[in-house]
């Protein structure tokens, strides 16, 4: 099973809020009541690159059909203020 459009939207919105406002180690969570899918995103490290760009390393869980998968990645703030996942 995979995430549907609503799942991906909920996950993306949660990621943006968590990258911007979440404290390191504090998980942001999302749930899609229609599909029953859910997930968390937890910033684990925040740093500034040499060019001044802020980035956050994170861990992520996604639960689909009772199966939870975990992943790690990195997101960096873009000039427009949004966060873009640059590796996962």
PDB file of N, CA and C in Angstrom:
ATOM      1  N   UNK A   1       0.850  -1.191   0.000  1.00  0.00           N
ATOM      2  CA  UNK A   1       0.000   0.000   0.000  1.00  0.00           C
ATOM      3  C   UNK A   1       0.883   1.238   0.000  1.00  0.00           C
ATOM      4  N   UNK A   2       0.341   2.308  -0.520  1.00  0.00           N
ATOM      5  CA  UNK A   2       1.109   3.545  -0.544  1.00  0.00           C
ATOM      6  C   UNK A   2       0.219   4.709  -0.129  1.00  0.00           C
ATOM      7  N   UNK A   3       0.850   5.848   0.025  1.00  0.00           N
ATOM      8  CA  UNK A   3       0.124   7.045   0.453  1.00  0.00           C
ATOM      9  C   UNK A   3      -0.659   7.631  -0.711  1.00  0.00           C
ATOM     10  N   UNK A   4      -1.900   8.053  -0.436  1.00  0.00           N
ATOM     11  CA  UNK A   4      -2.683   8.719  -1.476  1.00  0.00           C
ATOM     12  C   UNK A   4      -2.411  10.223  -1.436  1.00  0.00           C
ATOM     13  N   UNK A   5      -3.065  10.944  -2.306  1.00  0.00           N
ATOM     14  CA  UNK A   5      -2.826  12.386  -2.424  1.00  0.00           C
ATOM     15  C   UNK A   5      -3.104  13.117  -1.112  1.00  0.00           C
ATOM     16  N   UNK A   6      -4.193  12.760  -0.430  1.00  0.00           N
ATOM     17  CA  UNK A   6      -4.535  13.404   0.846  1.00  0.00           C
ATOM     18  C   UNK A   6      -3.503  13.087   1.918  1.00  0.00           C
ATOM     19  N   UNK A   7      -2.982  11.853   1.919  1.00  0.00           N
ATOM     20  CA  UNK A   7      -1.927  11.479   2.870  1.00  0.00           C
ATOM     21  C   UNK A   7      -0.687  12.339   2.641  1.00  0.00           C
ATOM     22  N   UNK A   8      -0.287  12.438   1.374  1.00  0.00           N
ATOM     23  CA  UNK A   8       0.923  13.210   1.052  1.00  0.00           C
ATOM     24  C   UNK A   8       0.754  14.680   1.404  1.00  0.00           C
ATOM     25  N   UNK A   9      -0.438  15.228   1.181  1.00  0.00           N
ATOM     26  CA  UNK A   9      -0.707  16.622   1.529  1.00  0.00           C
ATOM     27  C   UNK A   9      -0.622  16.822   3.035  1.00  0.00           C
ATOM     28  N   UNK A  10      -1.253  15.940   3.802  1.00  0.00           N
ATOM     29  CA  UNK A  10      -1.209  16.045   5.269  1.00  0.00           C
ATOM     30  C   UNK A  10       0.229  15.936   5.766  1.00  0.00           C
ATOM     31  N   UNK A  11       0.994  15.004   5.200  1.00  0.00           N
ATOM     32  CA  UNK A  11       2.388  14.823   5.604  1.00  0.00           C
ATOM     33  C   UNK A  11       3.216  16.060   5.258  1.00  0.00           C
ATOM     34  N   UNK A  12       3.003  16.619   4.073  1.00  0.00           N
ATOM     35  CA  UNK A  12       3.764  17.790   3.637  1.00  0.00           C
ATOM     36  C   UNK A  12       3.448  19.009   4.492  1.00  0.00           C
ATOM     37  N   UNK A  13       2.180  19.214   4.812  1.00  0.00           N
ATOM     38  CA  UNK A  13       1.798  20.354   5.650  1.00  0.00           C
ATOM     39  C   UNK A  13       2.402  20.216   7.044  1.00  0.00           C
ATOM     40  N   UNK A  14       2.367  19.011   7.594  1.00  0.00           N
ATOM     41  CA  UNK A  14       2.949  18.782   8.914  1.00  0.00           C
ATOM     42  C   UNK A  14       4.450  18.997   8.878  1.00  0.00           C
ATOM     43  N   UNK A  15       5.101  18.529   7.814  1.00  0.00           N
ATOM     44  CA  UNK A  15       6.544  18.707   7.685  1.00  0.00           C
ATOM     45  C   UNK A  15       6.903  20.186   7.662  1.00  0.00           C
ATOM     46  N   UNK A  16       6.185  20.995   6.876  1.00  0.00           N
ATOM     47  CA  UNK A  16       6.483  22.424   6.797  1.00  0.00           C
ATOM     48  C   UNK A  16       6.380  23.083   8.175  1.00  0.00           C
ATOM     49  N   UNK A  17       5.291  22.793   8.899  1.00  0.00           N
ATOM     50  CA  UNK A  17       5.102  23.384  10.234  1.00  0.00           C
ATOM     51  C   UNK A  17       6.175  22.898  11.204  1.00  0.00           C
ATOM     52  N   UNK A  18       6.489  21.609  11.131  1.00  0.00           N
ATOM     53  CA  UNK A  18       7.468  21.051  12.063  1.00  0.00           C
ATOM     54  C   UNK A  18       8.865  21.586  11.789  1.00  0.00           C
ATOM     55  N   UNK A  19       9.257  21.680  10.525  1.00  0.00           N
ATOM     56  CA  UNK A  19      10.576  22.217  10.203  1.00  0.00           C
ATOM     57  C   UNK A  19      10.690  23.673  10.647  1.00  0.00           C
ATOM     58  N   UNK A  20       9.611  24.433  10.511  1.00  0.00           N
ATOM     59  CA  UNK A  20       9.644  25.864  10.830  1.00  0.00           C
ATOM     60  C   UNK A  20       9.561  26.127  12.333  1.00  0.00           C
ATOM     61  N   UNK A  21       8.668  25.422  13.019  1.00  0.00           N
ATOM     62  CA  UNK A  21       8.367  25.766  14.416  1.00  0.00           C
ATOM     63  C   UNK A  21       8.734  24.695  15.438  1.00  0.00           C
ATOM     64  N   UNK A  22       8.940  23.461  15.010  1.00  0.00           N
ATOM     65  CA  UNK A  22       9.168  22.370  15.947  1.00  0.00           C
ATOM     66  C   UNK A  22      10.535  22.430  16.607  1.00  0.00           C
ATOM     67  N   UNK A  23      10.553  22.062  17.867  1.00  0.00           N
ATOM     68  CA  UNK A  23      11.814  21.976  18.589  1.00  0.00           C
ATOM     69  C   UNK A  23      12.497  20.661  18.237  1.00  0.00           C
ATOM     70  N   UNK A  24      13.815  20.647  18.324  1.00  0.00           N
ATOM     71  CA  UNK A  24      14.561  19.421  18.094  1.00  0.00           C
ATOM     72  C   UNK A  24      14.061  18.352  19.059  1.00  0.00           C
ATOM     73  N   UNK A  25      13.758  17.186  18.517  1.00  0.00           N
ATOM     74  CA  UNK A  25      13.277  16.078  19.324  1.00  0.00           C
ATOM     75  C   UNK A  25      11.775  16.054  19.539  1.00  0.00           C
ATOM     76  N   UNK A  26      11.075  17.078  19.086  1.00  0.00           N
ATOM     77  CA  UNK A  26       9.622  17.162  19.262  1.00  0.00           C
ATOM     78  C   UNK A  26       8.929  16.783  17.956  1.00  0.00           C
ATOM     79  N   UNK A  27       8.149  15.705  17.997  1.00  0.00           N
ATOM     80  CA  UNK A  27       7.514  15.183  16.786  1.00  0.00           C
ATOM     81  C   UNK A  27       6.280  15.978  16.397  1.00  0.00           C
ATOM     82  N   UNK A  28       6.123  16.178  15.100  1.00  0.00           N
ATOM     83  CA  UNK A  28       4.869  16.653  14.534  1.00  0.00           C
ATOM     84  C   UNK A  28       4.159  15.440  13.954  1.00  0.00           C
ATOM     85  N   UNK A  29       2.862  15.327  14.157  1.00  0.00           N
ATOM     86  CA  UNK A  29       2.133  14.143  13.709  1.00  0.00           C
ATOM     87  C   UNK A  29       1.008  14.514  12.749  1.00  0.00           C
ATOM     88  N   UNK A  30       0.704  13.597  11.839  1.00  0.00           N
ATOM     89  CA  UNK A  30      -0.425  13.772  10.927  1.00  0.00           C
ATOM     90  C   UNK A  30      -1.205  12.460  10.862  1.00  0.00           C
ATOM     91  N   UNK A  31      -2.484  12.583  10.573  1.00  0.00           N
ATOM     92  CA  UNK A  31      -3.355  11.422  10.403  1.00  0.00           C
ATOM     93  C   UNK A  31      -4.372  11.752   9.319  1.00  0.00           C
ATOM     94  N   UNK A  32      -4.631  10.798   8.454  1.00  0.00           N
ATOM     95  CA  UNK A  32      -5.696  10.940   7.468  1.00  0.00           C
ATOM     96  C   UNK A  32      -6.824  10.001   7.914  1.00  0.00           C
ATOM     97  N   UNK A  33      -7.912  10.551   8.471  1.00  0.00           N
ATOM     98  CA  UNK A  33      -8.986   9.687   8.964  1.00  0.00           C
ATOM     99  C   UNK A  33      -9.664   8.878   7.870  1.00  0.00           C
ATOM    100  N   UNK A  34      -9.598   9.335   6.631  1.00  0.00           N
ATOM    101  CA  UNK A  34     -10.236   8.603   5.533  1.00  0.00           C
ATOM    102  C   UNK A  34      -9.479   7.319   5.185  1.00  0.00           C
ATOM    103  N   UNK A  35      -8.147   7.406   5.152  1.00  0.00           N
ATOM    104  CA  UNK A  35      -7.343   6.237   4.778  1.00  0.00           C
ATOM    105  C   UNK A  35      -6.876   5.444   5.993  1.00  0.00           C
ATOM    106  N   UNK A  36      -6.831   6.120   7.156  1.00  0.00           N
ATOM    107  CA  UNK A  36      -6.288   5.484   8.349  1.00  0.00           C
ATOM    108  C   UNK A  36      -4.776   5.538   8.421  1.00  0.00           C
ATOM    109  N   UNK A  37      -4.148   6.162   7.452  1.00  0.00           N
ATOM    110  CA  UNK A  37      -2.697   6.279   7.442  1.00  0.00           C
ATOM    111  C   UNK A  37      -2.266   7.433   8.350  1.00  0.00           C
ATOM    112  N   UNK A  38      -1.057   7.323   8.868  1.00  0.00           N
ATOM    113  CA  UNK A  38      -0.561   8.355   9.780  1.00  0.00           C
ATOM    114  C   UNK A  38       0.959   8.400   9.728  1.00  0.00           C
ATOM    115  N   UNK A  39       1.515   9.393  10.386  1.00  0.00           N
ATOM    116  CA  UNK A  39       2.966   9.492  10.432  1.00  0.00           C
ATOM    117  C   UNK A  39       3.420  10.574  11.382  1.00  0.00           C
ATOM    118  N   UNK A  40       4.714  10.590  11.596  1.00  0.00           N
ATOM    119  CA  UNK A  40       5.340  11.629  12.418  1.00  0.00           C
ATOM    120  C   UNK A  40       6.589  12.120  11.702  1.00  0.00           C
ATOM    121  N   UNK A  41       6.980  13.329  12.036  1.00  0.00           N
ATOM    122  CA  UNK A  41       8.246  13.879  11.564  1.00  0.00           C
ATOM    123  C   UNK A  41       8.893  14.590  12.742  1.00  0.00           C
ATOM    124  N   UNK A  42      10.149  14.243  13.024  1.00  0.00           N
ATOM    125  CA  UNK A  42      10.839  14.735  14.208  1.00  0.00           C
ATOM    126  C   UNK A  42      12.182  15.337  13.824  1.00  0.00           C
ATOM    127  N   UNK A  43      12.347  16.648  14.002  1.00  0.00           N
ATOM    128  CA  UNK A  43      13.669  17.234  13.754  1.00  0.00           C
ATOM    129  C   UNK A  43      14.675  16.680  14.763  1.00  0.00           C
ATOM    130  N   UNK A  44      15.847  16.265  14.280  1.00  0.00           N
ATOM    131  CA  UNK A  44      16.859  15.729  15.181  1.00  0.00           C
ATOM    132  C   UNK A  44      18.107  16.613  15.254  1.00  0.00           C
ATOM    133  N   UNK A  45      18.255  17.529  14.299  1.00  0.00           N
ATOM    134  CA  UNK A  45      19.412  18.431  14.315  1.00  0.00           C
ATOM    135  C   UNK A  45      19.114  19.618  13.416  1.00  0.00           C
ATOM    136  N   UNK A  46      19.496  20.796  13.869  1.00  0.00           N
ATOM    137  CA  UNK A  46      19.348  22.021  13.084  1.00  0.00           C
ATOM    138  C   UNK A  46      20.734  22.636  12.922  1.00  0.00           C
ATOM    139  N   UNK A  47      21.044  23.078  11.729  1.00  0.00           N
ATOM    140  CA  UNK A  47      22.347  23.692  11.499  1.00  0.00           C
ATOM    141  C   UNK A  47      22.251  24.701  10.361  1.00  0.00           C
ATOM    142  N   UNK A  48      23.296  25.531  10.252  1.00  0.00           N
ATOM    143  CA  UNK A  48      23.357  26.540   9.206  1.00  0.00           C
ATOM    144  C   UNK A  48      24.520  26.209   8.285  1.00  0.00           C
ATOM    145  N   UNK A  49      24.245  26.167   6.981  1.00  0.00           N
ATOM    146  CA  UNK A  49      25.292  25.891   6.009  1.00  0.00           C
ATOM    147  C   UNK A  49      26.184  27.120   5.854  1.00  0.00           C
ATOM    148  N   UNK A  50      27.334  26.931   5.215  1.00  0.00           N
ATOM    149  CA  UNK A  50      28.282  28.024   5.007  1.00  0.00           C
ATOM    150  C   UNK A  50      27.653  29.186   4.249  1.00  0.00           C
ATOM    151  N   UNK A  51      26.673  28.898   3.381  1.00  0.00           N
ATOM    152  CA  UNK A  51      26.035  29.964   2.598  1.00  0.00           C
ATOM    153  C   UNK A  51      24.901  30.653   3.364  1.00  0.00           C
ATOM    154  N   UNK A  52      24.696  30.258   4.630  1.00  0.00           N
ATOM    155  CA  UNK A  52      23.674  30.899   5.456  1.00  0.00           C
ATOM    156  C   UNK A  52      22.342  30.175   5.490  1.00  0.00           C
ATOM    157  N   UNK A  53      22.179  29.155   4.654  1.00  0.00           N
ATOM    158  CA  UNK A  53      20.925  28.408   4.600  1.00  0.00           C
ATOM    159  C   UNK A  53      20.761  27.541   5.844  1.00  0.00           C
ATOM    160  N   UNK A  54      19.564  27.583   6.439  1.00  0.00           N
ATOM    161  CA  UNK A  54      19.265  26.719   7.577  1.00  0.00           C
ATOM    162  C   UNK A  54      18.735  25.381   7.081  1.00  0.00           C
ATOM    163  N   UNK A  55      19.205  24.308   7.715  1.00  0.00           N
ATOM    164  CA  UNK A  55      18.762  22.961   7.375  1.00  0.00           C
ATOM    165  C   UNK A  55      18.424  22.206   8.654  1.00  0.00           C
ATOM    166  N   UNK A  56      17.570  21.213   8.502  1.00  0.00           N
ATOM    167  CA  UNK A  56      17.200  20.361   9.621  1.00  0.00           C
ATOM    168  C   UNK A  56      17.262  18.909   9.170  1.00  0.00           C
ATOM    169  N   UNK A  57      17.971  18.109   9.948  1.00  0.00           N
ATOM    170  CA  UNK A  57      17.917  16.670   9.752  1.00  0.00           C
ATOM    171  C   UNK A  57      16.704  16.179  10.524  1.00  0.00           C
ATOM    172  N   UNK A  58      16.059  15.123  10.023  1.00  0.00           N
ATOM    173  CA  UNK A  58      14.839  14.650  10.667  1.00  0.00           C
ATOM    174  C   UNK A  58      14.700  13.142  10.546  1.00  0.00           C
ATOM    175  N   UNK A  59      13.897  12.596  11.446  1.00  0.00           N
ATOM    176  CA  UNK A  59      13.456  11.209  11.311  1.00  0.00           C
ATOM    177  C   UNK A  59      11.966  11.248  11.043  1.00  0.00           C
ATOM    178  N   UNK A  60      11.489  10.246  10.349  1.00  0.00           N
ATOM    179  CA  UNK A  60      10.088  10.230   9.930  1.00  0.00           C
ATOM    180  C   UNK A  60       9.554   8.811  10.044  1.00  0.00           C
ATOM    181  N   UNK A  61       8.315   8.695  10.490  1.00  0.00           N
ATOM    182  CA  UNK A  61       7.636   7.404  10.450  1.00  0.00           C
ATOM    183  C   UNK A  61       6.379   7.562   9.613  1.00  0.00           C
ATOM    184  N   UNK A  62       6.011   6.494   8.928  1.00  0.00           N
ATOM    185  CA  UNK A  62       4.763   6.443   8.177  1.00  0.00           C
ATOM    186  C   UNK A  62       4.130   5.079   8.464  1.00  0.00           C
ATOM    187  N   UNK A  63       2.860   5.115   8.873  1.00  0.00           N
ATOM    188  CA  UNK A  63       2.148   3.880   9.174  1.00  0.00           C
ATOM    189  C   UNK A  63       1.021   3.689   8.153  1.00  0.00           C
ATOM    190  N   UNK A  64       1.110   2.589   7.421  1.00  0.00           N
ATOM    191  CA  UNK A  64       0.122   2.244   6.397  1.00  0.00           C
ATOM    192  C   UNK A  64      -0.288   0.796   6.645  1.00  0.00           C
ATOM    193  N   UNK A  65      -1.571   0.574   6.836  1.00  0.00           N
ATOM    194  CA  UNK A  65      -2.069  -0.778   7.036  1.00  0.00           C
ATOM    195  C   UNK A  65      -1.453  -1.470   8.237  1.00  0.00           C
ATOM    196  N   UNK A  66      -1.172  -0.702   9.278  1.00  0.00           N
ATOM    197  CA  UNK A  66      -0.603  -1.275  10.489  1.00  0.00           C
ATOM    198  C   UNK A  66       0.897  -1.499  10.434  1.00  0.00           C
ATOM    199  N   UNK A  67       1.509  -1.235   9.284  1.00  0.00           N
ATOM    200  CA  UNK A  67       2.957  -1.398   9.120  1.00  0.00           C
ATOM    201  C   UNK A  67       3.625  -0.031   9.192  1.00  0.00           C
ATOM    202  N   UNK A  68       4.598   0.110  10.107  1.00  0.00           N
ATOM    203  CA  UNK A  68       5.305   1.381  10.265  1.00  0.00           C
ATOM    204  C   UNK A  68       6.684   1.287   9.633  1.00  0.00           C
ATOM    205  N   UNK A  69       6.985   2.276   8.808  1.00  0.00           N
ATOM    206  CA  UNK A  69       8.312   2.383   8.219  1.00  0.00           C
ATOM    207  C   UNK A  69       8.959   3.655   8.741  1.00  0.00           C
ATOM    208  N   UNK A  70      10.270   3.599   8.908  1.00  0.00           N
ATOM    209  CA  UNK A  70      11.013   4.750   9.411  1.00  0.00           C
ATOM    210  C   UNK A  70      12.030   5.184   8.368  1.00  0.00           C
ATOM    211  N   UNK A  71      12.236   6.483   8.263  1.00  0.00           N
ATOM    212  CA  UNK A  71      13.197   7.029   7.314  1.00  0.00           C
ATOM    213  C   UNK A  71      13.875   8.245   7.938  1.00  0.00           C
ATOM    214  N   UNK A  72      14.981   8.623   7.354  1.00  0.00           N
ATOM    215  CA  UNK A  72      15.723   9.797   7.792  1.00  0.00           C
ATOM    216  C   UNK A  72      15.975  10.683   6.581  1.00  0.00           C
ATOM    217  N   UNK A  73      16.101  11.977   6.834  1.00  0.00           N
ATOM    218  CA  UNK A  73      16.360  12.875   5.727  1.00  0.00           C
ATOM    219  C   UNK A  73      16.835  14.225   6.200  1.00  0.00           C
ATOM    220  N   UNK A  74      16.911  15.146   5.246  1.00  0.00           N
ATOM    221  CA  UNK A  74      17.364  16.508   5.528  1.00  0.00           C
ATOM    222  C   UNK A  74      16.520  17.458   4.696  1.00  0.00           C
ATOM    223  N   UNK A  75      16.110  18.552   5.325  1.00  0.00           N
ATOM    224  CA  UNK A  75      15.344  19.594   4.635  1.00  0.00           C
ATOM    225  C   UNK A  75      16.031  20.925   4.868  1.00  0.00           C
ATOM    226  N   UNK A  76      15.988  21.787   3.863  1.00  0.00           N
ATOM    227  CA  UNK A  76      16.610  23.108   3.972  1.00  0.00           C
ATOM    228  C   UNK A  76      15.603  24.195   3.611  1.00  0.00           C
ATOM    229  N   UNK A  77      15.736  25.329   4.293  1.00  0.00           N
ATOM    230  CA  UNK A  77      14.829  26.447   4.044  1.00  0.00           C
ATOM    231  C   UNK A  77      15.199  27.122   2.733  1.00  0.00           C
ATOM    232  N   UNK A  78      14.185  27.369   1.934  1.00  0.00           N
ATOM    233  CA  UNK A  78      14.356  28.012   0.636  1.00  0.00           C
ATOM    234  C   UNK A  78      14.235  29.534   0.787  1.00  0.00           C
ATOM    235  N   UNK A  79      14.683  30.294  -0.207  1.00  0.00           N
ATOM    236  CA  UNK A  79      14.604  31.754  -0.122  1.00  0.00           C
ATOM    237  C   UNK A  79      13.185  32.281   0.124  1.00  0.00           C
ATOM    238  N   UNK A  80      12.158  31.542  -0.332  1.00  0.00           N
ATOM    239  CA  UNK A  80      10.783  32.007  -0.117  1.00  0.00           C
ATOM    240  C   UNK A  80      10.233  31.637   1.258  1.00  0.00           C
ATOM    241  N   UNK A  81      11.067  30.996   2.101  1.00  0.00           N
ATOM    242  CA  UNK A  81      10.648  30.648   3.458  1.00  0.00           C
ATOM    243  C   UNK A  81      10.108  29.240   3.600  1.00  0.00           C
ATOM    244  N   UNK A  82       9.851  28.567   2.471  1.00  0.00           N
ATOM    245  CA  UNK A  82       9.371  27.188   2.555  1.00  0.00           C
ATOM    246  C   UNK A  82      10.567  26.255   2.818  1.00  0.00           C
ATOM    247  N   UNK A  83      10.257  25.039   3.205  1.00  0.00           N
ATOM    248  CA  UNK A  83      11.279  24.035   3.445  1.00  0.00           C
ATOM    249  C   UNK A  83      11.206  22.986   2.339  1.00  0.00           C
ATOM    250  N   UNK A  84      12.376  22.585   1.833  1.00  0.00           N
ATOM    251  CA  UNK A  84      12.419  21.584   0.767  1.00  0.00           C
ATOM    252  C   UNK A  84      13.278  20.414   1.242  1.00  0.00           C
ATOM    253  N   UNK A  85      12.729  19.212   1.081  1.00  0.00           N
ATOM    254  CA  UNK A  85      13.485  18.018   1.429  1.00  0.00           C
ATOM    255  C   UNK A  85      14.565  17.835   0.377  1.00  0.00           C
ATOM    256  N   UNK A  86      15.826  17.801   0.823  1.00  0.00           N
ATOM    257  CA  UNK A  86      16.941  17.702  -0.112  1.00  0.00           C
ATOM    258  C   UNK A  86      17.561  16.313  -0.118  1.00  0.00           C
ATOM    259  N   UNK A  87      17.268  15.503   0.894  1.00  0.00           N
ATOM    260  CA  UNK A  87      17.681  14.105   0.881  1.00  0.00           C
ATOM    261  C   UNK A  87      16.780  13.333   1.819  1.00  0.00           C
ATOM    262  N   UNK A  88      16.478  12.116   1.425  1.00  0.00           N
ATOM    263  CA  UNK A  88      15.647  11.267   2.291  1.00  0.00           C
ATOM    264  C   UNK A  88      16.006   9.824   2.066  1.00  0.00           C
TER     265      UNK A  88
END
